[in-house]
């Protein structure tokens, strides 16, 4: 029988603390600035939260990087033992710790969201938080937005808008300049345009007279009667026919929602070329009775 007296009982491996540290380094993944990672919240402090991201050191989220809102409630937003996504905002320090941000991840997602909304031409809700000389400032999709006075429906008492939700569309989305400009007027006009259709007779007022045509305001939107659509006869001077703020009935010829343009016509209401020039008042007074005839003309011209 062979004796094992001179052999060690079981395997004995020499493993120093340095070896242990090197082993940890070997399997410890590196976090890079700008990387999105998941981690579990393990501790709250007065100044932020510590997050386990699987490294040899817990990561840290400063209180001002917890949420888009100021004075966030850590217990509600980052509950202990729950996982969340974060953006790495600093390289590892000497202890292997990185700093994280939930707020900057929200900002990144918010800008991507508004860029998509703006591209699709959809409207959003902006809650007004304050005013300045140029208009109103508010919160929209988690970001700060601005509506110029000229793009508000209420232009005089801006303070009355504070706290209100305004429906608006985007005029400018510029993340690099942190600039978000919106228009309430365009949003309302777009909503009203959805209810309009070609062949519809509308009541409006002359808003502007230009050499090439007449702009008419109606139902919160504006359309153009091109000079060639005023009458079947040549019109030499539009100012001889129209005046500012004059009541007028016009037929909608076409609607271009992409360019936000509405083409109007009074020529199509004429019983003969030149009637608008000779008997404008009569054409206006009998416009409702001329609608079906005008629609037939439109169909013939389009066919």
C-alpha atoms as a PDB file:
ATOM      1  CA  UNK A   1       0.000   0.000   0.000  1.00  0.00           C
ATOM      2  CA  UNK A   2       1.442   3.288  -1.013  1.00  0.00           C
ATOM      3  CA  UNK A   3       1.697   5.916   1.717  1.00  0.00           C
ATOM      4  CA  UNK A   4       0.380   9.516   1.137  1.00  0.00           C
ATOM      5  CA  UNK A   5       2.011  10.826   4.270  1.00  0.00           C
ATOM      6  CA  UNK A   6       4.423  12.999   2.348  1.00  0.00           C
ATOM      7  CA  UNK A   7       1.684  14.540   0.149  1.00  0.00           C
ATOM      8  CA  UNK A   8      -0.536  17.511   1.097  1.00  0.00           C
ATOM      9  CA  UNK A   9      -4.178  16.653   1.865  1.00  0.00           C
ATOM     10  CA  UNK A  10      -6.050  18.249  -1.065  1.00  0.00           C
ATOM     11  CA  UNK A  11      -4.786  20.994  -3.367  1.00  0.00           C
ATOM     12  CA  UNK A  12      -3.389  24.138  -1.799  1.00  0.00           C
ATOM     13  CA  UNK A  13      -3.033  27.197  -4.081  1.00  0.00           C
ATOM     14  CA  UNK A  14      -1.179  30.319  -3.062  1.00  0.00           C
ATOM     15  CA  UNK A  15      -3.522  33.308  -3.784  1.00  0.00           C
ATOM     16  CA  UNK A  16      -2.435  36.706  -2.468  1.00  0.00           C
ATOM     17  CA  UNK A  17      -4.542  39.876  -2.144  1.00  0.00           C
ATOM     18  CA  UNK A  18      -2.711  41.316  -5.161  1.00  0.00           C
ATOM     19  CA  UNK A  19      -3.760  38.276  -7.176  1.00  0.00           C
ATOM     20  CA  UNK A  20      -7.333  38.818  -6.001  1.00  0.00           C
ATOM     21  CA  UNK A  21      -7.278  42.485  -7.053  1.00  0.00           C
ATOM     22  CA  UNK A  22      -5.878  41.565 -10.465  1.00  0.00           C
ATOM     23  CA  UNK A  23      -8.606  38.981 -10.883  1.00  0.00           C
ATOM     24  CA  UNK A  24     -11.232  41.610 -10.104  1.00  0.00           C
ATOM     25  CA  UNK A  25      -9.696  44.014 -12.609  1.00  0.00           C
ATOM     26  CA  UNK A  26      -9.732  41.261 -15.232  1.00  0.00           C
ATOM     27  CA  UNK A  27     -13.468  40.729 -14.945  1.00  0.00           C
ATOM     28  CA  UNK A  28     -14.499  44.286 -14.087  1.00  0.00           C
ATOM     29  CA  UNK A  29     -16.028  45.987 -17.137  1.00  0.00           C
ATOM     30  CA  UNK A  30     -15.092  49.565 -17.931  1.00  0.00           C
ATOM     31  CA  UNK A  31     -17.692  52.324 -18.145  1.00  0.00           C
ATOM     32  CA  UNK A  32     -17.135  55.052 -20.685  1.00  0.00           C
ATOM     33  CA  UNK A  33     -18.529  58.575 -20.683  1.00  0.00           C
ATOM     34  CA  UNK A  34     -21.693  58.769 -22.772  1.00  0.00           C
ATOM     35  CA  UNK A  35     -22.550  55.095 -22.230  1.00  0.00           C
ATOM     36  CA  UNK A  36     -26.078  54.119 -21.203  1.00  0.00           C
ATOM     37  CA  UNK A  37     -26.113  51.461 -18.460  1.00  0.00           C
ATOM     38  CA  UNK A  38     -28.498  49.833 -16.015  1.00  0.00           C
ATOM     39  CA  UNK A  39     -27.935  49.761 -12.271  1.00  0.00           C
ATOM     40  CA  UNK A  40     -29.646  49.053  -8.957  1.00  0.00           C
ATOM     41  CA  UNK A  41     -30.026  51.854  -6.415  1.00  0.00           C
ATOM     42  CA  UNK A  42     -28.436  50.717  -3.141  1.00  0.00           C
ATOM     43  CA  UNK A  43     -28.180  53.848  -0.991  1.00  0.00           C
ATOM     44  CA  UNK A  44     -29.667  57.333  -0.644  1.00  0.00           C
ATOM     45  CA  UNK A  45     -27.835  60.346   0.767  1.00  0.00           C
ATOM     46  CA  UNK A  46     -28.720  64.004   1.182  1.00  0.00           C
ATOM     47  CA  UNK A  47     -26.736  64.796  -1.957  1.00  0.00           C
ATOM     48  CA  UNK A  48     -27.652  61.918  -4.246  1.00  0.00           C
ATOM     49  CA  UNK A  49     -27.741  58.133  -4.600  1.00  0.00           C
ATOM     50  CA  UNK A  50     -25.311  55.242  -4.960  1.00  0.00           C
ATOM     51  CA  UNK A  51     -25.949  52.698  -7.695  1.00  0.00           C
ATOM     52  CA  UNK A  52     -24.610  49.169  -8.131  1.00  0.00           C
ATOM     53  CA  UNK A  53     -23.605  48.788 -11.783  1.00  0.00           C
ATOM     54  CA  UNK A  54     -21.630  45.570 -11.356  1.00  0.00           C
ATOM     55  CA  UNK A  55     -18.230  47.206 -10.948  1.00  0.00           C
ATOM     56  CA  UNK A  56     -15.833  47.018  -8.027  1.00  0.00           C
ATOM     57  CA  UNK A  57     -17.153  50.421  -6.864  1.00  0.00           C
ATOM     58  CA  UNK A  58     -20.691  51.709  -6.735  1.00  0.00           C
ATOM     59  CA  UNK A  59     -21.530  54.574  -9.098  1.00  0.00           C
ATOM     60  CA  UNK A  60     -22.854  57.907  -7.851  1.00  0.00           C
ATOM     61  CA  UNK A  61     -25.801  60.026  -9.018  1.00  0.00           C
ATOM     62  CA  UNK A  62     -25.633  63.652  -7.763  1.00  0.00           C
ATOM     63  CA  UNK A  63     -28.970  65.077  -6.655  1.00  0.00           C
ATOM     64  CA  UNK A  64     -28.985  67.606  -9.513  1.00  0.00           C
ATOM     65  CA  UNK A  65     -28.656  64.754 -12.021  1.00  0.00           C
ATOM     66  CA  UNK A  66     -31.550  62.683 -10.674  1.00  0.00           C
ATOM     67  CA  UNK A  67     -34.455  64.194 -12.612  1.00  0.00           C
ATOM     68  CA  UNK A  68     -35.537  67.048 -14.895  1.00  0.00           C
ATOM     69  CA  UNK A  69     -37.607  68.536 -12.082  1.00  0.00           C
ATOM     70  CA  UNK A  70     -35.869  70.511  -9.358  1.00  0.00           C
ATOM     71  CA  UNK A  71     -35.807  69.164  -5.778  1.00  0.00           C
ATOM     72  CA  UNK A  72     -36.563  65.555  -6.783  1.00  0.00           C
ATOM     73  CA  UNK A  73     -37.841  63.025  -4.256  1.00  0.00           C
ATOM     74  CA  UNK A  74     -35.225  60.240  -4.284  1.00  0.00           C
ATOM     75  CA  UNK A  75     -37.487  57.688  -2.621  1.00  0.00           C
ATOM     76  CA  UNK A  76     -40.121  58.133  -5.351  1.00  0.00           C
ATOM     77  CA  UNK A  77     -37.889  58.565  -8.391  1.00  0.00           C
ATOM     78  CA  UNK A  78     -35.077  56.140  -7.497  1.00  0.00           C
ATOM     79  CA  UNK A  79     -36.468  53.581  -5.019  1.00  0.00           C
ATOM     80  CA  UNK A  80     -33.925  51.374  -3.239  1.00  0.00           C
ATOM     81  CA  UNK A  81     -33.248  47.952  -4.776  1.00  0.00           C
ATOM     82  CA  UNK A  82     -34.864  48.922  -8.077  1.00  0.00           C
ATOM     83  CA  UNK A  83     -33.056  49.077 -11.424  1.00  0.00           C
ATOM     84  CA  UNK A  84     -33.010  52.145 -13.653  1.00  0.00           C
ATOM     85  CA  UNK A  85     -31.188  53.360 -16.733  1.00  0.00           C
ATOM     86  CA  UNK A  86     -28.488  56.015 -16.424  1.00  0.00           C
ATOM     87  CA  UNK A  87     -26.053  57.939 -18.588  1.00  0.00           C
ATOM     88  CA  UNK A  88     -22.378  57.812 -17.610  1.00  0.00           C
ATOM     89  CA  UNK A  89     -21.223  61.448 -17.313  1.00  0.00           C
ATOM     90  CA  UNK A  90     -17.635  60.987 -16.050  1.00  0.00           C
ATOM     91  CA  UNK A  91     -14.740  58.596 -16.505  1.00  0.00           C
ATOM     92  CA  UNK A  92     -13.772  56.282 -13.652  1.00  0.00           C
ATOM     93  CA  UNK A  93     -11.802  57.920 -10.852  1.00  0.00           C
ATOM     94  CA  UNK A  94      -8.888  56.325  -8.951  1.00  0.00           C
ATOM     95  CA  UNK A  95     -11.319  54.181  -6.948  1.00  0.00           C
ATOM     96  CA  UNK A  96     -13.103  53.014 -10.106  1.00  0.00           C
ATOM     97  CA  UNK A  97     -16.214  55.077  -9.399  1.00  0.00           C
ATOM     98  CA  UNK A  98     -18.165  56.826 -12.159  1.00  0.00           C
ATOM     99  CA  UNK A  99     -20.809  59.529 -11.957  1.00  0.00           C
ATOM    100  CA  UNK A 100     -24.213  58.887 -13.486  1.00  0.00           C
ATOM    101  CA  UNK A 101     -27.136  61.010 -14.634  1.00  0.00           C
ATOM    102  CA  UNK A 102     -30.756  60.159 -15.097  1.00  0.00           C
ATOM    103  CA  UNK A 103     -31.588  63.798 -15.930  1.00  0.00           C
ATOM    104  CA  UNK A 104     -29.257  63.985 -18.940  1.00  0.00           C
ATOM    105  CA  UNK A 105     -30.652  60.728 -20.268  1.00  0.00           C
ATOM    106  CA  UNK A 106     -34.136  62.226 -19.977  1.00  0.00           C
ATOM    107  CA  UNK A 107     -32.923  65.387 -21.775  1.00  0.00           C
ATOM    108  CA  UNK A 108     -31.456  63.318 -24.600  1.00  0.00           C
ATOM    109  CA  UNK A 109     -34.694  61.378 -25.000  1.00  0.00           C
ATOM    110  CA  UNK A 110     -36.780  64.583 -24.757  1.00  0.00           C
ATOM    111  CA  UNK A 111     -34.851  66.296 -27.581  1.00  0.00           C
ATOM    112  CA  UNK A 112     -35.179  63.196 -29.758  1.00  0.00           C
ATOM    113  CA  UNK A 113     -38.900  63.168 -28.994  1.00  0.00           C
ATOM    114  CA  UNK A 114     -39.536  66.836 -29.886  1.00  0.00           C
ATOM    115  CA  UNK A 115     -37.440  66.518 -33.048  1.00  0.00           C
ATOM    116  CA  UNK A 116     -39.699  63.683 -34.185  1.00  0.00           C
ATOM    117  CA  UNK A 117     -42.867  65.588 -33.228  1.00  0.00           C
ATOM    118  CA  UNK A 118     -41.643  68.677 -35.116  1.00  0.00           C
ATOM    119  CA  UNK A 119     -40.774  66.621 -38.194  1.00  0.00           C
ATOM    120  CA  UNK A 120     -44.253  65.076 -38.230  1.00  0.00           C
ATOM    121  CA  UNK A 121     -45.828  68.522 -37.750  1.00  0.00           C
ATOM    122  CA  UNK A 122     -47.825  67.454 -34.695  1.00  0.00           C
ATOM    123  CA  UNK A 123     -48.870  69.815 -31.926  1.00  0.00           C
ATOM    124  CA  UNK A 124     -47.903  69.618 -28.233  1.00  0.00           C
ATOM    125  CA  UNK A 125     -49.064  71.047 -24.918  1.00  0.00           C
ATOM    126  CA  UNK A 126     -46.897  73.709 -23.242  1.00  0.00           C
ATOM    127  CA  UNK A 127     -47.600  74.795 -19.672  1.00  0.00           C
ATOM    128  CA  UNK A 128     -46.712  78.476 -19.271  1.00  0.00           C
ATOM    129  CA  UNK A 129     -44.446  79.113 -16.267  1.00  0.00           C
ATOM    130  CA  UNK A 130     -43.459  82.755 -16.764  1.00  0.00           C
ATOM    131  CA  UNK A 131     -43.483  85.693 -19.155  1.00  0.00           C
ATOM    132  CA  UNK A 132     -40.882  88.037 -20.614  1.00  0.00           C
ATOM    133  CA  UNK A 133     -40.953  91.042 -22.953  1.00  0.00           C
ATOM    134  CA  UNK A 134     -40.973  88.855 -26.035  1.00  0.00           C
ATOM    135  CA  UNK A 135     -43.620  86.295 -25.089  1.00  0.00           C
ATOM    136  CA  UNK A 136     -44.128  83.364 -22.720  1.00  0.00           C
ATOM    137  CA  UNK A 137     -41.834  80.605 -21.433  1.00  0.00           C
ATOM    138  CA  UNK A 138     -43.020  77.183 -20.384  1.00  0.00           C
ATOM    139  CA  UNK A 139     -42.424  73.463 -20.047  1.00  0.00           C
ATOM    140  CA  UNK A 140     -42.998  71.208 -23.029  1.00  0.00           C
ATOM    141  CA  UNK A 141     -42.072  67.512 -23.148  1.00  0.00           C
ATOM    142  CA  UNK A 142     -39.744  68.087 -20.181  1.00  0.00           C
ATOM    143  CA  UNK A 143     -37.879  70.933 -21.907  1.00  0.00           C
ATOM    144  CA  UNK A 144     -38.104  74.721 -21.739  1.00  0.00           C
ATOM    145  CA  UNK A 145     -39.968  76.234 -24.656  1.00  0.00           C
ATOM    146  CA  UNK A 146     -40.739  79.775 -25.806  1.00  0.00           C
ATOM    147  CA  UNK A 147     -43.720  81.193 -27.682  1.00  0.00           C
ATOM    148  CA  UNK A 148     -43.140  84.702 -29.135  1.00  0.00           C
ATOM    149  CA  UNK A 149     -45.879  87.266 -28.535  1.00  0.00           C
ATOM    150  CA  UNK A 150     -46.610  87.373 -32.279  1.00  0.00           C
ATOM    151  CA  UNK A 151     -47.442  83.649 -32.201  1.00  0.00           C
ATOM    152  CA  UNK A 152     -49.869  83.861 -29.280  1.00  0.00           C
ATOM    153  CA  UNK A 153     -53.627  84.231 -29.588  1.00  0.00           C
ATOM    154  CA  UNK A 154     -53.621  86.467 -26.478  1.00  0.00           C
ATOM    155  CA  UNK A 155     -51.034  89.193 -27.064  1.00  0.00           C
ATOM    156  CA  UNK A 156     -51.927  91.757 -24.410  1.00  0.00           C
ATOM    157  CA  UNK A 157     -52.335  90.196 -20.947  1.00  0.00           C
ATOM    158  CA  UNK A 158     -49.505  87.664 -20.983  1.00  0.00           C
ATOM    159  CA  UNK A 159     -49.601  87.242 -17.197  1.00  0.00           C
ATOM    160  CA  UNK A 160     -53.066  85.718 -17.542  1.00  0.00           C
ATOM    161  CA  UNK A 161     -51.465  82.833 -19.461  1.00  0.00           C
ATOM    162  CA  UNK A 162     -49.193  81.736 -16.589  1.00  0.00           C
ATOM    163  CA  UNK A 163     -50.217  78.265 -15.439  1.00  0.00           C
ATOM    164  CA  UNK A 164     -52.263  77.570 -18.573  1.00  0.00           C
ATOM    165  CA  UNK A 165     -51.724  74.736 -21.046  1.00  0.00           C
ATOM    166  CA  UNK A 166     -51.334  76.073 -24.589  1.00  0.00           C
ATOM    167  CA  UNK A 167     -51.559  73.919 -27.708  1.00  0.00           C
ATOM    168  CA  UNK A 168     -48.671  74.799 -30.012  1.00  0.00           C
ATOM    169  CA  UNK A 169     -46.544  73.545 -32.884  1.00  0.00           C
ATOM    170  CA  UNK A 170     -42.762  73.804 -33.216  1.00  0.00           C
ATOM    171  CA  UNK A 171     -41.149  76.637 -35.172  1.00  0.00           C
ATOM    172  CA  UNK A 172     -37.556  75.792 -34.241  1.00  0.00           C
ATOM    173  CA  UNK A 173     -35.920  72.793 -32.556  1.00  0.00           C
ATOM    174  CA  UNK A 174     -32.205  73.421 -31.967  1.00  0.00           C
ATOM    175  CA  UNK A 175     -30.623  71.129 -29.380  1.00  0.00           C
ATOM    176  CA  UNK A 176     -27.088  72.520 -29.768  1.00  0.00           C
ATOM    177  CA  UNK A 177     -28.365  76.030 -28.970  1.00  0.00           C
ATOM    178  CA  UNK A 178     -30.856  74.701 -26.389  1.00  0.00           C
ATOM    179  CA  UNK A 179     -33.557  76.557 -28.294  1.00  0.00           C
ATOM    180  CA  UNK A 180     -37.179  75.490 -28.572  1.00  0.00           C
ATOM    181  CA  UNK A 181     -39.562  77.984 -30.223  1.00  0.00           C
ATOM    182  CA  UNK A 182     -43.262  77.278 -30.712  1.00  0.00           C
ATOM    183  CA  UNK A 183     -46.398  78.849 -32.184  1.00  0.00           C
ATOM    184  CA  UNK A 184     -49.871  78.735 -30.688  1.00  0.00           C
ATOM    185  CA  UNK A 185     -51.384  80.527 -33.685  1.00  0.00           C
ATOM    186  CA  UNK A 186     -50.097  77.939 -36.164  1.00  0.00           C
ATOM    187  CA  UNK A 187     -51.375  75.055 -34.059  1.00  0.00           C
ATOM    188  CA  UNK A 188     -54.856  76.554 -33.921  1.00  0.00           C
ATOM    189  CA  UNK A 189     -54.756  77.376 -37.632  1.00  0.00           C
ATOM    190  CA  UNK A 190     -53.701  73.796 -38.437  1.00  0.00           C
ATOM    191  CA  UNK A 191     -56.559  72.414 -36.331  1.00  0.00           C
ATOM    192  CA  UNK A 192     -59.040  74.667 -38.094  1.00  0.00           C
ATOM    193  CA  UNK A 193     -57.621  73.830 -41.523  1.00  0.00           C
ATOM    194  CA  UNK A 194     -58.446  70.179 -40.842  1.00  0.00           C
ATOM    195  CA  UNK A 195     -62.132  71.176 -40.786  1.00  0.00           C
ATOM    196  CA  UNK A 196     -61.973  73.041 -44.114  1.00  0.00           C
ATOM    197  CA  UNK A 197     -62.323  71.551 -47.582  1.00  0.00           C
ATOM    198  CA  UNK A 198     -62.163  72.624 -51.206  1.00  0.00           C
ATOM    199  CA  UNK A 199     -65.497  73.830 -52.561  1.00  0.00           C
ATOM    200  CA  UNK A 200     -66.529  75.360 -49.235  1.00  0.00           C
ATOM    201  CA  UNK A 201     -67.941  78.905 -49.134  1.00  0.00           C
ATOM    202  CA  UNK A 202     -66.629  80.909 -46.171  1.00  0.00           C
ATOM    203  CA  UNK A 203     -67.187  84.364 -44.702  1.00  0.00           C
ATOM    204  CA  UNK A 204     -64.078  86.429 -44.038  1.00  0.00           C
ATOM    205  CA  UNK A 205     -62.521  89.860 -43.860  1.00  0.00           C
ATOM    206  CA  UNK A 206     -59.913  91.441 -46.083  1.00  0.00           C
ATOM    207  CA  UNK A 207     -56.679  91.401 -44.067  1.00  0.00           C
ATOM    208  CA  UNK A 208     -54.152  92.664 -46.605  1.00  0.00           C
ATOM    209  CA  UNK A 209     -54.105  93.886 -50.200  1.00  0.00           C
ATOM    210  CA  UNK A 210     -51.027  93.217 -52.310  1.00  0.00           C
ATOM    211  CA  UNK A 211     -50.386  93.808 -56.029  1.00  0.00           C
ATOM    212  CA  UNK A 212     -50.622  90.049 -56.636  1.00  0.00           C
ATOM    213  CA  UNK A 213     -53.730  89.317 -54.560  1.00  0.00           C
ATOM    214  CA  UNK A 214     -55.895  89.774 -51.495  1.00  0.00           C
ATOM    215  CA  UNK A 215     -55.396  88.007 -48.149  1.00  0.00           C
ATOM    216  CA  UNK A 216     -58.599  87.066 -46.354  1.00  0.00           C
ATOM    217  CA  UNK A 217     -58.879  86.027 -42.679  1.00  0.00           C
ATOM    218  CA  UNK A 218     -61.607  83.561 -41.708  1.00  0.00           C
ATOM    219  CA  UNK A 219     -62.144  80.986 -38.959  1.00  0.00           C
ATOM    220  CA  UNK A 220     -58.725  81.799 -37.446  1.00  0.00           C
ATOM    221  CA  UNK A 221     -56.829  81.108 -40.690  1.00  0.00           C
ATOM    222  CA  UNK A 222     -55.757  83.142 -43.689  1.00  0.00           C
ATOM    223  CA  UNK A 223     -56.104  82.474 -47.412  1.00  0.00           C
ATOM    224  CA  UNK A 224     -55.139  84.225 -50.641  1.00  0.00           C
ATOM    225  CA  UNK A 225     -57.307  85.299 -53.565  1.00  0.00           C
ATOM    226  CA  UNK A 226     -54.713  85.546 -56.308  1.00  0.00           C
ATOM    227  CA  UNK A 227     -55.401  88.451 -58.677  1.00  0.00           C
ATOM    228  CA  UNK A 228     -56.234  85.931 -61.427  1.00  0.00           C
ATOM    229  CA  UNK A 229     -58.932  84.426 -59.165  1.00  0.00           C
ATOM    230  CA  UNK A 230     -60.726  87.699 -58.412  1.00  0.00           C
ATOM    231  CA  UNK A 231     -62.620  87.902 -61.716  1.00  0.00           C
ATOM    232  CA  UNK A 232     -62.805  86.356 -65.161  1.00  0.00           C
ATOM    233  CA  UNK A 233     -61.937  89.787 -66.536  1.00  0.00           C
ATOM    234  CA  UNK A 234     -58.641  91.587 -66.017  1.00  0.00           C
ATOM    235  CA  UNK A 235     -58.334  93.480 -62.711  1.00  0.00           C
ATOM    236  CA  UNK A 236     -55.998  96.473 -62.975  1.00  0.00           C
ATOM    237  CA  UNK A 237     -56.022  97.642 -59.348  1.00  0.00           C
ATOM    238  CA  UNK A 238     -57.237  95.535 -56.428  1.00  0.00           C
ATOM    239  CA  UNK A 239     -57.537  98.640 -54.253  1.00  0.00           C
ATOM    240  CA  UNK A 240     -60.420  99.800 -56.460  1.00  0.00           C
ATOM    241  CA  UNK A 241     -62.402  96.678 -55.525  1.00  0.00           C
ATOM    242  CA  UNK A 242     -61.384  95.930 -51.947  1.00  0.00           C
ATOM    243  CA  UNK A 243     -60.583  97.741 -48.735  1.00  0.00           C
ATOM    244  CA  UNK A 244     -59.040  96.642 -45.452  1.00  0.00           C
ATOM    245  CA  UNK A 245     -61.401  94.834 -43.033  1.00  0.00           C
ATOM    246  CA  UNK A 246     -64.081  94.525 -45.714  1.00  0.00           C
ATOM    247  CA  UNK A 247     -66.546  91.618 -45.277  1.00  0.00           C
ATOM    248  CA  UNK A 248     -66.263  89.148 -48.113  1.00  0.00           C
ATOM    249  CA  UNK A 249     -67.494  85.695 -49.151  1.00  0.00           C
ATOM    250  CA  UNK A 250     -64.987  83.449 -50.905  1.00  0.00           C
ATOM    251  CA  UNK A 251     -64.819  79.897 -52.215  1.00  0.00           C
ATOM    252  CA  UNK A 252     -61.958  77.627 -51.123  1.00  0.00           C
ATOM    253  CA  UNK A 253     -60.172  76.323 -54.221  1.00  0.00           C
ATOM    254  CA  UNK A 254     -57.452  74.215 -52.559  1.00  0.00           C
ATOM    255  CA  UNK A 255     -55.699  73.578 -49.247  1.00  0.00           C
ATOM    256  CA  UNK A 256     -51.983  72.833 -48.947  1.00  0.00           C
ATOM    257  CA  UNK A 257     -51.542  71.673 -45.356  1.00  0.00           C
ATOM    258  CA  UNK A 258     -47.796  71.051 -45.817  1.00  0.00           C
ATOM    259  CA  UNK A 259     -47.149  74.660 -46.881  1.00  0.00           C
ATOM    260  CA  UNK A 260     -49.989  76.010 -44.724  1.00  0.00           C
ATOM    261  CA  UNK A 261     -51.613  77.718 -47.718  1.00  0.00           C
ATOM    262  CA  UNK A 262     -55.252  78.147 -48.705  1.00  0.00           C
ATOM    263  CA  UNK A 263     -56.165  79.263 -52.231  1.00  0.00           C
ATOM    264  CA  UNK A 264     -59.407  81.246 -52.520  1.00  0.00           C
ATOM    265  CA  UNK A 265     -61.567  82.499 -55.388  1.00  0.00           C
ATOM    266  CA  UNK A 266     -64.366  84.954 -56.070  1.00  0.00           C
ATOM    267  CA  UNK A 267     -64.102  84.498 -59.843  1.00  0.00           C
ATOM    268  CA  UNK A 268     -65.724  81.103 -59.536  1.00  0.00           C
ATOM    269  CA  UNK A 269     -68.850  82.766 -58.092  1.00  0.00           C
ATOM    270  CA  UNK A 270     -69.381  84.923 -61.196  1.00  0.00           C
ATOM    271  CA  UNK A 271     -72.220  84.264 -63.626  1.00  0.00           C
ATOM    272  CA  UNK A 272     -70.149  85.900 -66.352  1.00  0.00           C
ATOM    273  CA  UNK A 273     -66.543  87.224 -66.597  1.00  0.00           C
ATOM    274  CA  UNK A 274     -66.229  90.673 -65.039  1.00  0.00           C
ATOM    275  CA  UNK A 275     -69.297  90.433 -62.787  1.00  0.00           C
ATOM    276  CA  UNK A 276     -67.140  90.909 -59.674  1.00  0.00           C
ATOM    277  CA  UNK A 277     -65.840  94.183 -61.100  1.00  0.00           C
ATOM    278  CA  UNK A 278     -69.248  95.472 -62.166  1.00  0.00           C
ATOM    279  CA  UNK A 279     -71.507  94.094 -59.384  1.00  0.00           C
ATOM    280  CA  UNK A 280     -69.344  93.051 -56.440  1.00  0.00           C
ATOM    281  CA  UNK A 281     -72.094  93.678 -53.855  1.00  0.00           C
ATOM    282  CA  UNK A 282     -74.611  91.604 -55.796  1.00  0.00           C
ATOM    283  CA  UNK A 283     -72.173  88.696 -56.128  1.00  0.00           C
ATOM    284  CA  UNK A 284     -71.530  88.804 -52.377  1.00  0.00           C
ATOM    285  CA  UNK A 285     -75.233  89.062 -51.466  1.00  0.00           C
ATOM    286  CA  UNK A 286     -76.151  86.064 -53.648  1.00  0.00           C
ATOM    287  CA  UNK A 287     -73.004  83.996 -53.022  1.00  0.00           C
ATOM    288  CA  UNK A 288     -74.813  81.277 -51.039  1.00  0.00           C
ATOM    289  CA  UNK A 289     -77.168  80.672 -53.957  1.00  0.00           C
ATOM    290  CA  UNK A 290     -74.226  80.373 -56.349  1.00  0.00           C
ATOM    291  CA  UNK A 291     -72.357  77.646 -54.423  1.00  0.00           C
ATOM    292  CA  UNK A 292     -73.601  74.595 -56.368  1.00  0.00           C
ATOM    293  CA  UNK A 293     -72.924  76.280 -59.694  1.00  0.00           C
ATOM    294  CA  UNK A 294     -69.446  77.232 -58.496  1.00  0.00           C
ATOM    295  CA  UNK A 295     -68.713  73.655 -57.405  1.00  0.00           C
ATOM    296  CA  UNK A 296     -69.726  72.368 -60.819  1.00  0.00           C
ATOM    297  CA  UNK A 297     -67.265  74.816 -62.386  1.00  0.00           C
ATOM    298  CA  UNK A 298     -64.524  73.551 -60.056  1.00  0.00           C
ATOM    299  CA  UNK A 299     -65.222  69.934 -61.054  1.00  0.00           C
ATOM    300  CA  UNK A 300     -65.145  70.821 -64.738  1.00  0.00           C
ATOM    301  CA  UNK A 301     -61.838  72.672 -64.364  1.00  0.00           C
ATOM    302  CA  UNK A 302     -60.272  69.765 -62.452  1.00  0.00           C
ATOM    303  CA  UNK A 303     -61.507  67.068 -64.863  1.00  0.00           C
END
